[in-house]
Amino acid sequence: NLVNVSTVPLKFHIVVDEKSKTIAKYRLSEVVYKTNKTVVYSFYNVNDCASKIMDIVNVMTPFFSSKPGKDII
């Protein structure tokens, strides 16, 4: 566990949907309780993040293939 072995303060940036955010908050609270360490975190909505990088994805998509061995020209 990263929190257990870290000797420096950690800040987590977590990209989630709303359902996962609830689960992540619960798990983080468990870690804080068990380790007695401070954990700083920020949540980012996955849909907001995806929309912000869509132009990059559209430009890069032709250079990647979901089919192994397929040539891209």
N, C-alpha and C. Protein backbone atom coordinates (compact mmCIF):
# COMPACT_ATOMS: atom_id res chain seq x y z
N ASN A 1 0.83 -1.17 0.00
CA ASN A 1 0.00 0.00 0.00
C ASN A 1 0.88 1.24 0.00
N LEU A 2 0.64 2.10 -0.95
CA LEU A 2 1.44 3.30 -1.13
C LEU A 2 1.43 4.20 0.11
N VAL A 3 0.30 4.32 0.73
CA VAL A 3 0.18 5.17 1.92
C VAL A 3 1.04 4.61 3.06
N ASN A 4 1.08 3.31 3.19
CA ASN A 4 1.86 2.69 4.27
C ASN A 4 3.35 2.93 4.14
N VAL A 5 3.87 2.93 2.94
CA VAL A 5 5.32 3.02 2.75
C VAL A 5 5.81 4.43 2.46
N SER A 6 4.91 5.36 2.22
CA SER A 6 5.31 6.71 1.87
C SER A 6 5.81 7.47 3.10
N THR A 7 6.88 8.24 2.88
CA THR A 7 7.40 9.10 3.95
C THR A 7 7.14 10.56 3.63
N VAL A 8 6.49 10.82 2.51
CA VAL A 8 6.15 12.19 2.11
C VAL A 8 4.63 12.30 1.97
N PRO A 9 4.12 13.50 2.08
CA PRO A 9 2.67 13.67 1.90
C PRO A 9 2.26 13.28 0.47
N LEU A 10 1.13 12.64 0.35
CA LEU A 10 0.64 12.21 -0.95
C LEU A 10 -0.64 12.95 -1.30
N LYS A 11 -0.80 13.25 -2.58
CA LYS A 11 -2.05 13.81 -3.07
C LYS A 11 -2.47 12.97 -4.26
N PHE A 12 -3.69 12.49 -4.21
CA PHE A 12 -4.23 11.65 -5.27
C PHE A 12 -5.21 12.44 -6.12
N HIS A 13 -5.09 12.28 -7.43
CA HIS A 13 -6.03 12.85 -8.39
C HIS A 13 -6.78 11.66 -8.98
N ILE A 14 -8.08 11.59 -8.72
CA ILE A 14 -8.85 10.40 -9.04
C ILE A 14 -9.95 10.75 -10.03
N VAL A 15 -9.94 10.06 -11.19
CA VAL A 15 -10.95 10.27 -12.22
C VAL A 15 -12.01 9.19 -12.05
N VAL A 16 -13.26 9.62 -11.82
CA VAL A 16 -14.33 8.67 -11.48
C VAL A 16 -15.68 9.10 -12.06
N ASP A 17 -16.60 8.15 -12.09
CA ASP A 17 -18.01 8.49 -12.31
C ASP A 17 -18.63 8.67 -10.93
N GLU A 18 -19.87 9.08 -10.87
CA GLU A 18 -20.49 9.38 -9.57
C GLU A 18 -20.60 8.15 -8.66
N LYS A 19 -20.94 6.99 -9.23
CA LYS A 19 -21.07 5.79 -8.41
C LYS A 19 -19.70 5.40 -7.83
N SER A 20 -18.67 5.46 -8.64
CA SER A 20 -17.32 5.10 -8.19
C SER A 20 -16.79 6.09 -7.16
N LYS A 21 -17.21 7.33 -7.26
CA LYS A 21 -16.76 8.35 -6.31
C LYS A 21 -17.17 7.98 -4.89
N THR A 22 -18.38 7.50 -4.73
CA THR A 22 -18.87 7.08 -3.41
C THR A 22 -18.02 5.93 -2.87
N ILE A 23 -17.72 4.96 -3.72
CA ILE A 23 -16.90 3.82 -3.32
C ILE A 23 -15.49 4.27 -2.96
N ALA A 24 -14.92 5.14 -3.78
CA ALA A 24 -13.55 5.62 -3.54
C ALA A 24 -13.46 6.39 -2.22
N LYS A 25 -14.44 7.23 -1.95
CA LYS A 25 -14.44 7.98 -0.68
C LYS A 25 -14.45 7.03 0.51
N TYR A 26 -15.26 5.99 0.42
CA TYR A 26 -15.34 5.00 1.50
C TYR A 26 -13.99 4.30 1.68
N ARG A 27 -13.39 3.87 0.57
CA ARG A 27 -12.10 3.16 0.66
C ARG A 27 -11.00 4.08 1.19
N LEU A 28 -11.01 5.33 0.77
CA LEU A 28 -10.01 6.27 1.27
C LEU A 28 -10.19 6.51 2.76
N SER A 29 -11.42 6.59 3.23
CA SER A 29 -11.65 6.78 4.66
C SER A 29 -11.14 5.58 5.45
N GLU A 30 -11.28 4.38 4.88
CA GLU A 30 -10.74 3.18 5.54
C GLU A 30 -9.22 3.26 5.66
N VAL A 31 -8.56 3.70 4.60
CA VAL A 31 -7.10 3.82 4.60
C VAL A 31 -6.65 4.83 5.65
N VAL A 32 -7.32 5.95 5.71
CA VAL A 32 -6.97 6.98 6.69
C VAL A 32 -7.14 6.44 8.11
N TYR A 33 -8.23 5.73 8.35
CA TYR A 33 -8.49 5.17 9.67
C TYR A 33 -7.42 4.13 10.05
N LYS A 34 -7.08 3.25 9.12
CA LYS A 34 -6.13 2.16 9.43
C LYS A 34 -4.69 2.65 9.56
N THR A 35 -4.31 3.66 8.79
CA THR A 35 -2.91 4.11 8.79
C THR A 35 -2.68 5.33 9.67
N ASN A 36 -3.75 6.01 10.03
CA ASN A 36 -3.66 7.25 10.81
C ASN A 36 -2.79 8.29 10.10
N LYS A 37 -2.84 8.30 8.76
CA LYS A 37 -2.11 9.28 7.96
C LYS A 37 -3.09 10.16 7.21
N THR A 38 -2.64 11.34 6.89
CA THR A 38 -3.48 12.25 6.11
C THR A 38 -3.37 11.90 4.64
N VAL A 39 -4.50 11.82 3.99
CA VAL A 39 -4.53 11.57 2.55
C VAL A 39 -5.30 12.72 1.92
N VAL A 40 -4.66 13.41 1.00
CA VAL A 40 -5.29 14.52 0.29
C VAL A 40 -5.69 13.99 -1.09
N TYR A 41 -6.90 14.31 -1.51
CA TYR A 41 -7.35 13.79 -2.79
C TYR A 41 -8.31 14.76 -3.46
N SER A 42 -8.36 14.68 -4.78
CA SER A 42 -9.30 15.45 -5.59
C SER A 42 -9.97 14.49 -6.55
N PHE A 43 -11.26 14.67 -6.72
CA PHE A 43 -12.01 13.85 -7.68
C PHE A 43 -12.30 14.67 -8.92
N TYR A 44 -12.25 14.00 -10.07
CA TYR A 44 -12.56 14.61 -11.35
C TYR A 44 -13.56 13.73 -12.06
N ASN A 45 -14.58 14.34 -12.62
CA ASN A 45 -15.62 13.59 -13.32
C ASN A 45 -15.08 13.06 -14.64
N VAL A 46 -15.24 11.77 -14.88
CA VAL A 46 -14.68 11.13 -16.06
C VAL A 46 -15.25 11.73 -17.35
N ASN A 47 -16.53 12.08 -17.36
CA ASN A 47 -17.12 12.65 -18.57
C ASN A 47 -16.57 14.04 -18.87
N ASP A 48 -16.36 14.84 -17.84
CA ASP A 48 -15.76 16.16 -18.03
C ASP A 48 -14.33 16.04 -18.57
N CYS A 49 -13.56 15.12 -18.01
CA CYS A 49 -12.19 14.91 -18.46
C CYS A 49 -12.16 14.43 -19.91
N ALA A 50 -13.03 13.50 -20.23
CA ALA A 50 -13.07 12.95 -21.60
C ALA A 50 -13.43 14.03 -22.61
N SER A 51 -14.37 14.89 -22.27
CA SER A 51 -14.77 15.93 -23.23
C SER A 51 -13.65 16.94 -23.45
N LYS A 52 -12.83 17.17 -22.44
CA LYS A 52 -11.73 18.13 -22.56
C LYS A 52 -10.61 17.63 -23.45
N ILE A 53 -10.45 16.32 -23.57
CA ILE A 53 -9.37 15.78 -24.40
C ILE A 53 -9.86 15.16 -25.71
N MET A 54 -11.13 15.31 -26.02
CA MET A 54 -11.69 14.66 -27.22
C MET A 54 -11.00 15.11 -28.49
N ASP A 55 -10.60 16.38 -28.60
CA ASP A 55 -9.92 16.83 -29.81
C ASP A 55 -8.57 16.12 -29.99
N ILE A 56 -7.87 15.86 -28.89
CA ILE A 56 -6.61 15.13 -28.95
C ILE A 56 -6.87 13.69 -29.37
N VAL A 57 -7.88 13.08 -28.80
CA VAL A 57 -8.24 11.69 -29.13
C VAL A 57 -8.57 11.58 -30.61
N ASN A 58 -9.33 12.52 -31.14
CA ASN A 58 -9.71 12.48 -32.55
C ASN A 58 -8.49 12.58 -33.47
N VAL A 59 -7.52 13.40 -33.10
CA VAL A 59 -6.31 13.55 -33.91
C VAL A 59 -5.45 12.29 -33.83
N MET A 60 -5.35 11.69 -32.65
CA MET A 60 -4.44 10.54 -32.45
C MET A 60 -5.03 9.20 -32.87
N THR A 61 -6.35 9.07 -32.94
CA THR A 61 -7.01 7.80 -33.23
C THR A 61 -6.48 7.11 -34.48
N PRO A 62 -6.24 7.81 -35.59
CA PRO A 62 -5.74 7.12 -36.78
C PRO A 62 -4.38 6.43 -36.59
N PHE A 63 -3.65 6.81 -35.57
CA PHE A 63 -2.31 6.24 -35.35
C PHE A 63 -2.31 5.01 -34.45
N PHE A 64 -3.49 4.60 -34.01
CA PHE A 64 -3.61 3.44 -33.13
C PHE A 64 -4.66 2.48 -33.67
N SER A 65 -4.50 1.20 -33.38
CA SER A 65 -5.43 0.20 -33.84
C SER A 65 -5.87 -0.69 -32.70
N SER A 66 -7.15 -1.06 -32.70
CA SER A 66 -7.63 -1.99 -31.69
C SER A 66 -7.44 -3.43 -32.13
N LYS A 67 -6.93 -3.62 -33.35
CA LYS A 67 -6.70 -4.97 -33.89
C LYS A 67 -5.20 -5.20 -34.00
N PRO A 68 -4.64 -6.06 -33.14
CA PRO A 68 -3.18 -6.33 -33.19
C PRO A 68 -2.75 -6.81 -34.57
N GLY A 69 -1.61 -6.29 -35.04
CA GLY A 69 -1.07 -6.71 -36.31
C GLY A 69 -1.63 -5.96 -37.51
N LYS A 70 -2.61 -5.15 -37.31
CA LYS A 70 -3.21 -4.39 -38.42
C LYS A 70 -2.31 -3.21 -38.76
N ASP A 71 -1.98 -3.07 -40.05
CA ASP A 71 -1.17 -1.94 -40.50
C ASP A 71 -2.04 -0.71 -40.62
N ILE A 72 -1.47 0.41 -40.20
CA ILE A 72 -2.17 1.70 -40.31
C ILE A 72 -1.38 2.57 -41.27
N ILE A 73 -2.07 3.09 -42.23
CA ILE A 73 -1.38 3.95 -43.21
C ILE A 73 -1.82 5.38 -43.03
